[in-house]
Each structure stands twice: as C-alpha cells, then as structure tokens.
Amino acid sequence: MDYSTAFLIIAIIAIIAQSFLIFLALFEPGLDYKISTPSTASLESDDFLRMFEALTDAKAHRHNHIEVLTNGETYYEAELEAIRGAEHSVNLEAYIFKKGEVARRFVETLTERARAGVRVNLVLDAIGSFTTWNSYLRELIEAGGRVAWYHPFRWQTISRINNRTHRELIIIDGKLGFIGGAGFADHWLLGTEKRPRWRDTMFRVEGDSVLSMQATFAENWLEAAGEILTGTHYFPLHKRGDQAEDQTVTLIVNSSPSAGRSTRARMLFQTLLASAQRSILITTPYFLPDRSARDELVRAVRERGVEVRVIAPGEHSDHTLVRRSSRRLYGDLLQAGASIYEYEAAMIHTKSMIVDNEWCVVGSTNFDNRSFGLNDEVNMAVFNRTLAARLQEDFSRDLAHCRAVSLEEWQGRPYLERAHEQVGRLLERQQ
C-alpha cells in the first residue's frame, strides 16, 4: 500500500467517525428519567430538605440575606457598587461578556480594583464571549487582573467543545455574591423601540451561601486557569447577623454534564416539579423541556391539580428557530390544562421557578437540553415564603405584558410555522 492510499483510508475513516459523532449529537435519544416514588413529605419539612440536599449534592445554608434585583439598570449598578467596595478579591464568571458600554464599565471598575491590589479573576466562556478578546481586556490584565477562557479553541479541548460554562457569578471578598441569568452586554441595559432592553433577574446574596458560590467559581477557575483558589481572602469566616432574613434556607446547586447525561440540574428541577402540590410558576427564555420534564408537568396538573403557568419568549426572542421549536412542545401541556404565556414587551431572559409559593429557584439554567445536559450551570434554590412572594410579584407584572396561548391557537398554527418547527427539531438537542 503506497503512502497516498494509506492517507486516503485514514481520511475516510476520520470523516466517517466525525459524521457518526455529529449524527449522535443531533439524533441520539434523550435521557428518559422519572421520580421513583413521589415524595409525600411537605416541602417545608426536614425530611424533604434532607432528601433535597442529598440529591442535589448541595449543602443547605440557613443564614443568608437575599435581595431580588430586577433588570439591568438595577443589578448592574448594584454589582458595580459592590466591586468598588472590594478589599481582597473579585471573582467573575460569565458566558456572555460582550464589548460595549456595560462591559466597558465593568472593565474600568475591575481595573481600578486590580491596581489597588485586589485579586481580580475572570472566567469567560470562549464561545459565549468570542467577540471579546484579550486586547479588549489589556488594561485589566496589565493592572494585575487575570482572565482565563473556558474551553478555548485548542486541539486538547475539541472533545469538550460542546460543554460551555453558562454560569453567571460575581463573588466579592468571599462575603457578597450575585447569581442569576444575566451576562454582561448592552442588550441587558440599553434598548431601542424595536429592540427593548432584555428582561432579567439576579439575586444579591450575603451569608453562608456565598462560600458555596465561591467554590463553584473555583471549580471552573481550576479547569480554565489550572489553579486551585485557597486562602481566607477567598473563603473568610462569615459573621452571622441577627436579622430575621438570616434564616433563609438556600442551596447552591452546581450542574456539570456527565457521560451518562445525568446532571444536578435535572435532579433539582424534576424533584421540585414532582413535589409541587399547589402551583408551579416558570419563567424561561428557552422553553424546550425534554419528554421527562413535560410528563412531570402534565402529571402535576392532571394527578394533583397543580396550577402550572409558564412564561416563554414572544416575538422578541433572540432565537427564532428556538422559539419555533419551543412552540412545537406546547401541545401536551395545553391539553393537560397548563397555561402558557408569551412575553411581548422584550426578550424575556429571566430564569426562575416558584413552587407552592415556598421554594424558588433562580440561576443560569434554561428549560432546555443544553442546560440540562451539556452546559456547566449553577442555580440557587431557596426556601423562603417572603422571597417567593417577591418573585411572584415580578411574575404577575410580567404576565401583564404577555399573551396567553390557547390550545385552539396552537392547533391552528400555520403550516409554514410547523415546517420551521421541524427544522428546529433536528437541532433541538443542541439548543
């Protein structure tokens, strides 16, 4: 066999192997899963919390103070103010860090803190933030700030190229943190008549949970920068206050994909869906629940009489194909009696769930396969009726800007839209 023939055989084998991997990515059956025995424990009971801790592999922290920050004009100012007050460290992780006015403000503030001797560390996703280069961050780096890219385009990361960090975190001095779904880009703050400012929510957190948020950041910093963060400047002793709010129970639930596609995000959401007795309120920018999650929502409505309401994107969605794919999945839920609404005022990017007006979840996880099975995600699950009521206020305000989708409308959607849905269906596992 001559050299050219051997090379041709190797090339053909490589093409076949790559084609098979692409085929698996698009058409491999999703993971089917269910709750073995529905929990009969009350959501406020110690029995439920003990089980929830074990399943999510997350410690329940009981001393926390949490503030809901609604929309960019609120949370960006709170984040910048907190960074300005940093004395020891600022750790920031983001899927989207996009050049513009918002990013400029953060780079300037982080640079000033780095010059003052504060340890500044950034983990940015190489795909989500691909339009932002090291040159844009030069002043921060020259001031002593460190920037690490998560899974950049290198030969050694090819096998993990589909695994992104979708986490959105800021931790200041190991004492104060921000968690939610918003990255750093102008579309979360500045809008036009045709493209209004995106709707989103973040939590401002003080208390024991901040150390778990720091550990979450440290996990991705290790993978991106090859360093384990240690020391009391990152993990200080938390002095507990006497406020009533300090009794808020929280869990920081990390989620990373396994080879078997099981993730803590699946356990977190499915357990709460299966345990709801009165109501489930979901707000999500990408509503593509897998079959198992849809079945659990249908069971909640039909078998336990749970009120299920979902707010999903309307015409302002930033991904038309994803929205069409999402609409294809409405049928089972509408037929069961769930209510689905499409947000019309702007792009809805809030990622929240409220269960029985007691538990609430805010974080980076979308209701889709990418978040449940492919990305690194982080969520804060909170048991606190006051906080749940505060989030429900936002949910009610958002409903005022929504259009309800009826079963009759869904059944009569145009053939062109149905055809578009089928195109999206091919890519559904990657969305």
Protein backbone atom coordinates (compact mmCIF):
# COMPACT_ATOMS: atom_id res chain seq x y z
CA MET A 1 0.00 0.00 0.00
CA ASP A 2 1.51 3.31 -1.05
CA TYR A 3 1.53 6.48 1.03
CA SER A 4 -1.32 8.23 -0.82
CA THR A 5 -3.63 5.21 -0.47
CA ALA A 6 -2.93 4.95 3.26
CA PHE A 7 -3.61 8.64 3.71
CA LEU A 8 -6.90 8.31 1.81
CA ILE A 9 -8.02 5.41 4.02
CA ILE A 10 -7.19 7.34 7.18
CA ALA A 11 -9.08 10.38 5.86
CA ILE A 12 -12.16 8.29 5.03
CA ILE A 13 -12.12 6.70 8.49
CA ALA A 14 -11.80 10.14 10.11
CA ILE A 15 -14.72 11.51 8.06
CA ILE A 16 -16.91 8.53 8.95
CA ALA A 17 -16.05 8.86 12.64
CA GLN A 18 -16.76 12.60 12.65
CA SER A 19 -20.04 12.07 10.78
CA PHE A 20 -21.08 9.49 13.36
CA LEU A 21 -20.34 11.91 16.21
CA ILE A 22 -22.41 14.63 14.51
CA PHE A 23 -25.23 12.12 13.98
CA LEU A 24 -25.17 11.22 17.68
CA ALA A 25 -25.20 14.88 18.70
CA LEU A 26 -28.30 15.53 16.59
CA PHE A 27 -30.27 12.31 16.87
CA GLU A 28 -29.14 10.39 19.96
CA PRO A 29 -32.28 9.69 22.04
CA GLY A 30 -32.61 11.93 25.05
CA LEU A 31 -32.24 10.62 28.58
CA ASP A 32 -35.56 9.28 29.87
CA TYR A 33 -35.93 9.60 33.63
CA LYS A 34 -38.62 9.75 36.30
CA ILE A 35 -39.12 10.02 40.04
CA SER A 36 -39.00 6.56 41.57
CA THR A 37 -41.54 7.26 44.32
CA PRO A 38 -43.25 10.66 44.54
CA SER A 39 -42.33 12.31 47.83
CA THR A 40 -45.12 12.68 50.33
CA ALA A 41 -43.06 14.94 52.56
CA SER A 42 -44.11 18.57 52.91
CA LEU A 43 -41.85 20.99 51.06
CA GLU A 44 -41.17 22.74 54.37
CA SER A 45 -40.26 19.57 56.26
CA ASP A 46 -36.82 18.46 57.38
CA ASP A 47 -37.42 15.17 55.57
CA PHE A 48 -37.78 16.94 52.22
CA LEU A 49 -34.77 19.18 52.84
CA ARG A 50 -32.60 16.22 53.80
CA MET A 51 -33.56 14.38 50.59
CA PHE A 52 -33.13 17.55 48.52
CA GLU A 53 -29.63 18.15 49.91
CA ALA A 54 -28.58 14.60 49.09
CA LEU A 55 -29.98 14.55 45.56
CA THR A 56 -28.53 17.91 44.55
CA ASP A 57 -25.23 17.28 46.42
CA ALA A 58 -25.64 20.77 47.87
CA LYS A 59 -25.35 21.90 51.47
CA ALA A 60 -28.37 23.69 52.93
CA HIS A 61 -27.24 27.04 54.31
CA ARG A 62 -29.57 28.62 56.86
CA HIS A 63 -28.03 32.04 57.37
CA ASN A 64 -28.44 34.22 54.30
CA HIS A 65 -29.83 37.52 53.20
CA ILE A 66 -31.08 37.67 49.59
CA GLU A 67 -32.29 40.63 47.56
CA VAL A 68 -34.11 40.35 44.24
CA LEU A 69 -32.65 42.67 41.58
CA THR A 70 -34.96 43.22 38.63
CA ASN A 71 -33.49 44.26 35.27
CA GLY A 72 -30.12 45.62 34.18
CA GLU A 73 -30.50 49.16 35.44
CA THR A 74 -30.83 47.69 38.94
CA TYR A 75 -28.43 44.75 39.10
CA TYR A 76 -25.58 46.27 37.08
CA GLU A 77 -25.43 49.28 39.42
CA ALA A 78 -25.56 47.00 42.47
CA GLU A 79 -22.77 44.82 41.06
CA LEU A 80 -20.54 47.77 40.19
CA GLU A 81 -21.08 49.32 43.63
CA ALA A 82 -20.13 46.04 45.28
CA ILE A 83 -16.98 45.69 43.15
CA ARG A 84 -15.92 49.25 44.02
CA GLY A 85 -16.03 48.22 47.68
CA ALA A 86 -13.93 45.08 47.20
CA GLU A 87 -10.97 44.84 49.58
CA HIS A 88 -9.46 41.42 48.85
CA SER A 89 -10.89 39.66 45.80
CA VAL A 90 -13.36 39.82 42.94
CA ASN A 91 -14.18 36.65 41.03
CA LEU A 92 -16.42 36.93 37.98
CA GLU A 93 -17.66 34.16 35.70
CA ALA A 94 -19.78 34.72 32.61
CA TYR A 95 -20.98 33.05 29.47
CA ILE A 96 -21.52 36.41 27.75
CA PHE A 97 -19.09 39.28 28.27
CA LYS A 98 -19.62 41.39 25.17
CA LYS A 99 -17.82 44.56 24.16
CA GLY A 100 -19.92 47.67 24.71
CA GLU A 101 -20.95 50.22 27.32
CA VAL A 102 -21.76 47.67 30.03
CA ALA A 103 -18.53 45.71 29.55
CA ARG A 104 -16.54 48.96 29.49
CA ARG A 105 -17.91 49.99 32.89
CA PHE A 106 -17.04 46.65 34.41
CA VAL A 107 -13.56 46.53 32.88
CA GLU A 108 -12.80 50.03 34.19
CA THR A 109 -14.07 49.23 37.69
CA LEU A 110 -12.26 45.89 37.83
CA THR A 111 -9.06 47.53 36.57
CA GLU A 112 -9.22 50.17 39.29
CA ARG A 113 -9.60 47.47 41.95
CA ALA A 114 -6.74 45.43 40.49
CA ARG A 115 -4.48 48.49 40.63
CA ALA A 116 -5.46 48.87 44.28
CA GLY A 117 -4.13 45.38 44.97
CA VAL A 118 -7.40 43.45 44.91
CA ARG A 119 -7.16 39.97 43.38
CA VAL A 120 -9.34 40.08 40.25
CA ASN A 121 -10.08 36.81 38.42
CA LEU A 122 -12.35 36.35 35.40
CA VAL A 123 -13.56 33.12 33.78
CA LEU A 124 -15.17 33.85 30.41
CA ASP A 125 -16.63 31.29 28.06
CA ALA A 126 -14.64 31.16 24.81
CA ILE A 127 -17.75 30.80 22.64
CA GLY A 128 -20.26 32.92 24.54
CA SER A 129 -17.73 35.78 24.72
CA PHE A 130 -15.95 35.11 21.42
CA THR A 131 -16.25 38.76 20.25
CA THR A 132 -14.30 39.94 23.30
CA TRP A 133 -10.54 39.43 23.01
CA ASN A 134 -7.62 39.76 25.40
CA SER A 135 -6.76 43.05 23.71
CA TYR A 136 -10.06 44.48 24.98
CA LEU A 137 -9.06 43.43 28.50
CA ARG A 138 -5.42 44.58 28.19
CA GLU A 139 -5.62 47.35 30.82
CA LEU A 140 -7.18 44.97 33.34
CA ILE A 141 -4.52 42.33 32.68
CA GLU A 142 -1.70 44.89 32.88
CA ALA A 143 -3.13 46.08 36.22
CA GLY A 144 -2.79 42.56 37.59
CA GLY A 145 -6.21 41.14 36.79
CA ARG A 146 -6.27 37.58 35.46
CA VAL A 147 -8.51 36.35 32.64
CA ALA A 148 -9.00 32.65 31.87
CA TRP A 149 -11.00 31.36 28.89
CA TYR A 150 -13.23 28.34 29.39
CA HIS A 151 -12.67 25.66 26.73
CA PRO A 152 -10.99 27.83 24.10
CA PHE A 153 -10.41 26.57 20.57
CA ARG A 154 -7.46 24.24 21.16
CA TRP A 155 -6.81 20.71 19.98
CA GLN A 156 -6.97 19.38 23.52
CA THR A 157 -10.46 20.84 24.12
CA ILE A 158 -12.08 19.56 20.90
CA SER A 159 -13.75 16.66 22.72
CA ARG A 160 -15.32 19.12 25.18
CA ILE A 161 -16.14 21.92 22.75
CA ASN A 162 -19.89 21.43 23.28
CA ASN A 163 -19.51 21.84 27.04
CA ARG A 164 -19.73 25.55 27.87
CA THR A 165 -19.81 27.40 31.16
CA HIS A 166 -23.19 29.10 31.22
CA ARG A 167 -22.72 30.21 34.83
CA GLU A 168 -23.17 33.89 35.71
CA LEU A 169 -21.49 34.72 39.01
CA ILE A 170 -19.76 37.54 40.85
CA ILE A 171 -18.22 36.96 44.29
CA ILE A 172 -16.66 39.84 46.23
CA ASP A 173 -14.31 39.17 49.18
CA GLY A 174 -15.99 35.78 49.70
CA LYS A 175 -18.78 37.64 51.52
CA LEU A 176 -21.09 39.08 48.87
CA GLY A 177 -22.29 37.44 45.68
CA PHE A 178 -24.54 37.84 42.65
CA ILE A 179 -26.18 34.92 40.87
CA GLY A 180 -28.73 34.66 38.10
CA GLY A 181 -29.03 34.54 34.34
CA ALA A 182 -27.69 37.87 33.12
CA GLY A 183 -24.31 38.26 31.47
CA PHE A 184 -22.53 41.49 30.64
CA ALA A 185 -23.76 43.14 27.44
CA ASP A 186 -25.60 46.26 26.37
CA HIS A 187 -28.81 44.46 25.45
CA TRP A 188 -29.47 43.93 29.18
CA LEU A 189 -29.32 47.70 29.81
CA LEU A 190 -29.77 49.74 26.64
CA GLY A 191 -32.75 49.30 24.36
CA THR A 192 -34.48 50.83 21.38
CA GLU A 193 -38.11 50.91 20.34
CA LYS A 194 -37.60 47.91 18.08
CA ARG A 195 -35.23 46.09 20.43
CA PRO A 196 -36.19 46.87 24.03
CA ARG A 197 -33.86 46.16 26.90
CA TRP A 198 -33.94 42.48 27.90
CA ARG A 199 -35.95 41.47 30.97
CA ASP A 200 -33.87 39.59 33.56
CA THR A 201 -33.41 38.89 37.27
CA MET A 202 -30.41 38.49 39.56
CA PHE A 203 -30.04 37.68 43.27
CA ARG A 204 -27.77 39.69 45.57
CA VAL A 205 -26.59 37.30 48.28
CA GLU A 206 -24.93 37.74 51.66
CA GLY A 207 -24.29 34.91 54.09
CA ASP A 208 -23.08 31.34 54.21
CA SER A 209 -24.13 30.55 50.64
CA VAL A 210 -21.51 32.91 49.23
CA LEU A 211 -18.78 30.41 50.11
CA SER A 212 -20.55 27.78 48.01
CA MET A 213 -20.76 30.29 45.15
CA GLN A 214 -17.02 30.84 45.57
CA ALA A 215 -16.44 27.08 45.37
CA THR A 216 -18.47 26.99 42.15
CA PHE A 217 -16.24 29.65 40.64
CA ALA A 218 -13.15 27.82 41.89
CA GLU A 219 -14.21 24.69 40.01
CA ASN A 220 -14.21 26.45 36.64
CA TRP A 221 -11.15 28.54 37.51
CA LEU A 222 -9.24 25.31 38.06
CA GLU A 223 -10.28 23.99 34.65
CA ALA A 224 -9.66 27.28 32.83
CA ALA A 225 -6.57 28.57 34.64
CA GLY A 226 -5.02 25.43 36.16
CA GLU A 227 -5.04 26.82 39.69
CA ILE A 228 -6.93 25.95 42.87
CA LEU A 229 -8.01 29.06 44.77
CA THR A 230 -7.38 28.78 48.51
CA GLY A 231 -6.91 31.07 51.49
CA THR A 232 -9.05 33.08 53.87
CA HIS A 233 -9.16 36.01 51.43
CA TYR A 234 -11.32 33.77 49.22
CA PHE A 235 -13.01 31.76 51.98
CA PRO A 236 -13.37 34.03 55.03
CA LEU A 237 -15.24 33.20 58.22
CA HIS A 238 -18.74 34.57 57.84
CA LYS A 239 -20.05 36.60 60.78
CA ARG A 240 -23.73 35.92 61.14
CA GLY A 241 -26.16 38.72 61.72
CA ASP A 242 -29.32 38.77 63.80
CA GLN A 243 -31.74 39.74 61.02
CA ALA A 244 -34.85 37.64 60.51
CA GLU A 245 -33.81 37.31 56.89
CA ASP A 246 -30.71 35.48 58.05
CA GLN A 247 -32.84 32.35 58.48
CA THR A 248 -33.36 31.92 54.73
CA VAL A 249 -32.52 28.33 53.70
CA THR A 250 -30.57 28.14 50.44
CA LEU A 251 -28.76 25.56 48.35
CA ILE A 252 -26.21 26.38 45.65
CA VAL A 253 -26.69 23.63 43.09
CA ASN A 254 -23.86 23.12 40.62
CA SER A 255 -24.54 21.18 37.47
CA SER A 256 -21.99 19.75 35.04
CA PRO A 257 -22.66 17.14 32.35
CA SER A 258 -21.66 13.54 32.92
CA ALA A 259 -21.04 10.91 30.26
CA GLY A 260 -24.44 9.46 31.12
CA ARG A 261 -26.10 12.86 30.73
CA SER A 262 -27.31 12.95 34.33
CA THR A 263 -26.88 16.36 35.92
CA ARG A 264 -27.74 18.01 39.21
CA ALA A 265 -29.95 20.43 37.26
CA ARG A 266 -32.18 17.55 36.21
CA MET A 267 -32.40 16.36 39.83
CA LEU A 268 -33.09 19.86 41.14
CA PHE A 269 -35.92 20.72 38.76
CA GLN A 270 -37.51 17.27 38.46
CA THR A 271 -37.66 16.82 42.23
CA LEU A 272 -39.41 20.14 42.72
CA LEU A 273 -41.80 19.53 39.82
CA ALA A 274 -42.76 16.14 41.26
CA SER A 275 -43.18 17.53 44.79
CA ALA A 276 -45.38 20.54 43.97
CA GLN A 277 -48.86 20.39 45.47
CA ARG A 278 -50.37 23.77 44.58
CA SER A 279 -48.52 25.77 41.94
CA ILE A 280 -45.52 25.84 39.58
CA LEU A 281 -44.58 29.18 38.02
CA ILE A 282 -41.82 29.01 35.40
CA THR A 283 -40.15 31.88 33.55
CA THR A 284 -37.57 30.90 30.95
CA PRO A 285 -36.04 32.34 27.77
CA TYR A 286 -35.80 28.93 26.09
CA PHE A 287 -38.64 26.55 26.89
CA LEU A 288 -37.63 23.20 25.43
CA PRO A 289 -38.34 20.74 28.26
CA ASP A 290 -37.42 17.15 27.47
CA ARG A 291 -40.08 14.45 27.43
CA SER A 292 -39.49 13.51 31.07
CA ALA A 293 -39.89 17.08 32.34
CA ARG A 294 -43.02 17.59 30.22
CA ASP A 295 -44.51 14.36 31.55
CA GLU A 296 -43.82 15.50 35.12
CA LEU A 297 -45.58 18.82 34.48
CA VAL A 298 -48.55 17.01 32.94
CA ARG A 299 -48.76 14.67 35.96
CA ALA A 300 -48.67 17.65 38.30
CA VAL A 301 -51.71 19.16 36.58
CA ARG A 302 -53.75 16.01 35.99
CA GLU A 303 -53.00 13.93 39.07
CA ARG A 304 -52.54 16.58 41.79
CA GLY A 305 -54.42 19.59 40.41
CA VAL A 306 -51.30 21.77 40.46
CA GLU A 307 -51.61 25.13 38.71
CA VAL A 308 -48.84 25.26 36.09
CA ARG A 309 -48.07 28.59 34.41
CA VAL A 310 -45.15 29.19 32.07
CA ILE A 311 -43.84 32.49 30.68
CA ALA A 312 -41.83 31.96 27.48
CA PRO A 313 -40.49 34.38 24.84
CA GLY A 314 -42.73 36.08 22.29
CA GLU A 315 -41.76 37.80 19.05
CA HIS A 316 -38.77 39.49 20.70
CA SER A 317 -36.99 36.15 21.14
CA ASP A 318 -33.34 36.36 20.19
CA HIS A 319 -33.52 32.91 18.56
CA THR A 320 -36.49 32.49 16.23
CA LEU A 321 -35.69 28.87 15.46
CA VAL A 322 -35.52 28.01 19.16
CA ARG A 323 -38.84 29.75 19.77
CA ARG A 324 -40.49 27.78 16.97
CA SER A 325 -39.03 24.56 18.36
CA SER A 326 -40.40 25.54 21.76
CA ARG A 327 -43.90 26.18 20.43
CA ARG A 328 -43.96 22.67 18.96
CA LEU A 329 -43.86 21.31 22.51
CA TYR A 330 -46.79 23.30 23.90
CA GLY A 331 -49.45 20.75 22.94
CA ASP A 332 -49.20 18.19 25.77
CA LEU A 333 -49.14 20.90 28.42
CA LEU A 334 -52.03 22.91 26.98
CA GLN A 335 -54.15 19.78 26.61
CA ALA A 336 -53.46 18.89 30.25
CA GLY A 337 -54.62 22.32 31.41
CA ALA A 338 -51.34 24.17 31.92
CA SER A 339 -51.21 27.85 30.98
CA ILE A 340 -48.52 29.15 28.63
CA TYR A 341 -47.88 32.84 28.03
CA GLU A 342 -45.56 34.61 25.58
CA TYR A 343 -43.83 37.76 26.78
CA GLU A 344 -44.35 40.59 24.30
CA ALA A 345 -42.58 43.60 25.85
CA ALA A 346 -38.99 42.49 25.19
CA MET A 347 -36.75 39.45 25.18
CA ILE A 348 -37.54 37.58 28.40
CA HIS A 349 -34.28 36.21 29.81
CA THR A 350 -35.30 35.58 33.42
CA LYS A 351 -34.71 32.00 34.58
CA SER A 352 -36.86 31.38 37.63
CA MET A 353 -39.23 28.84 39.11
CA ILE A 354 -41.57 29.26 42.09
CA VAL A 355 -43.14 26.15 43.65
CA ASP A 356 -46.10 26.29 46.05
CA ASN A 357 -45.15 29.87 46.97
CA GLU A 358 -42.42 28.38 49.17
CA TRP A 359 -39.43 27.22 47.13
CA CYS A 360 -37.94 29.33 44.37
CA VAL A 361 -35.03 28.78 42.00
CA VAL A 362 -33.01 31.47 40.22
CA GLY A 363 -29.85 30.83 38.26
CA SER A 364 -28.41 30.14 34.85
CA THR A 365 -30.39 27.04 33.82
CA ASN A 366 -32.80 27.27 30.90
CA PHE A 367 -35.60 24.73 30.44
CA ASP A 368 -33.78 23.01 27.58
CA ASN A 369 -31.44 20.13 26.83
CA ARG A 370 -28.36 22.32 26.56
CA SER A 371 -28.74 23.50 30.15
CA PHE A 372 -29.88 20.12 31.48
CA GLY A 373 -27.31 18.00 29.65
CA LEU A 374 -24.46 19.97 28.05
CA ASN A 375 -23.53 23.14 29.95
CA ASP A 376 -21.98 23.91 33.31
CA GLU A 377 -24.78 25.66 35.22
CA VAL A 378 -25.45 26.96 38.71
CA ASN A 379 -28.71 27.72 40.49
CA MET A 380 -29.74 28.98 43.89
CA ALA A 381 -32.71 27.12 45.39
CA VAL A 382 -34.32 29.00 48.26
CA PHE A 383 -36.98 28.10 50.80
CA ASN A 384 -38.46 31.41 51.89
CA ARG A 385 -42.10 32.46 51.51
CA THR A 386 -41.29 36.17 51.58
CA LEU A 387 -38.73 35.83 48.80
CA ALA A 388 -41.10 33.60 46.81
CA ALA A 389 -43.81 36.23 47.16
CA ARG A 390 -41.38 38.90 45.92
CA LEU A 391 -40.58 36.83 42.83
CA GLN A 392 -44.27 36.18 42.30
CA GLU A 393 -44.83 39.95 42.18
CA ASP A 394 -42.42 40.11 39.24
CA PHE A 395 -44.14 37.11 37.66
CA SER A 396 -47.51 38.89 37.90
CA ARG A 397 -46.07 42.08 36.42
CA ASP A 398 -44.56 40.08 33.57
CA LEU A 399 -47.92 38.41 32.93
CA ALA A 400 -49.39 41.84 32.25
CA HIS A 401 -47.05 42.05 29.23
CA CYS A 402 -47.86 38.56 27.98
CA ARG A 403 -50.25 36.99 25.52
CA ALA A 404 -51.87 33.72 26.56
CA VAL A 405 -51.53 30.85 24.08
CA SER A 406 -54.72 28.81 23.72
CA LEU A 407 -54.94 25.17 22.68
CA GLU A 408 -57.10 26.19 19.69
CA GLU A 409 -54.48 28.71 18.53
CA TRP A 410 -51.71 26.17 18.93
CA GLN A 411 -53.59 23.54 16.96
CA GLY A 412 -54.28 26.05 14.17
CA ARG A 413 -50.75 27.42 13.78
CA PRO A 414 -49.72 27.92 10.11
CA TYR A 415 -48.10 25.15 8.06
CA LEU A 416 -45.05 27.37 7.43
CA GLU A 417 -44.51 27.63 11.17
CA ARG A 418 -44.91 23.86 11.54
CA ALA A 419 -42.30 23.32 8.82
CA HIS A 420 -39.93 25.69 10.64
CA GLU A 421 -40.54 23.69 13.83
CA GLN A 422 -39.36 20.50 12.14
CA VAL A 423 -36.14 22.19 11.06
CA GLY A 424 -35.59 23.25 14.65
CA ARG A 425 -36.39 19.74 15.83
CA LEU A 426 -33.22 18.48 14.14
CA LEU A 427 -31.14 20.82 16.30
CA GLU A 428 -33.27 20.60 19.42
CA ARG A 429 -30.69 18.71 21.48
CA GLN A 430 -28.14 21.45 20.77
CA GLN A 431 -30.42 24.38 21.58
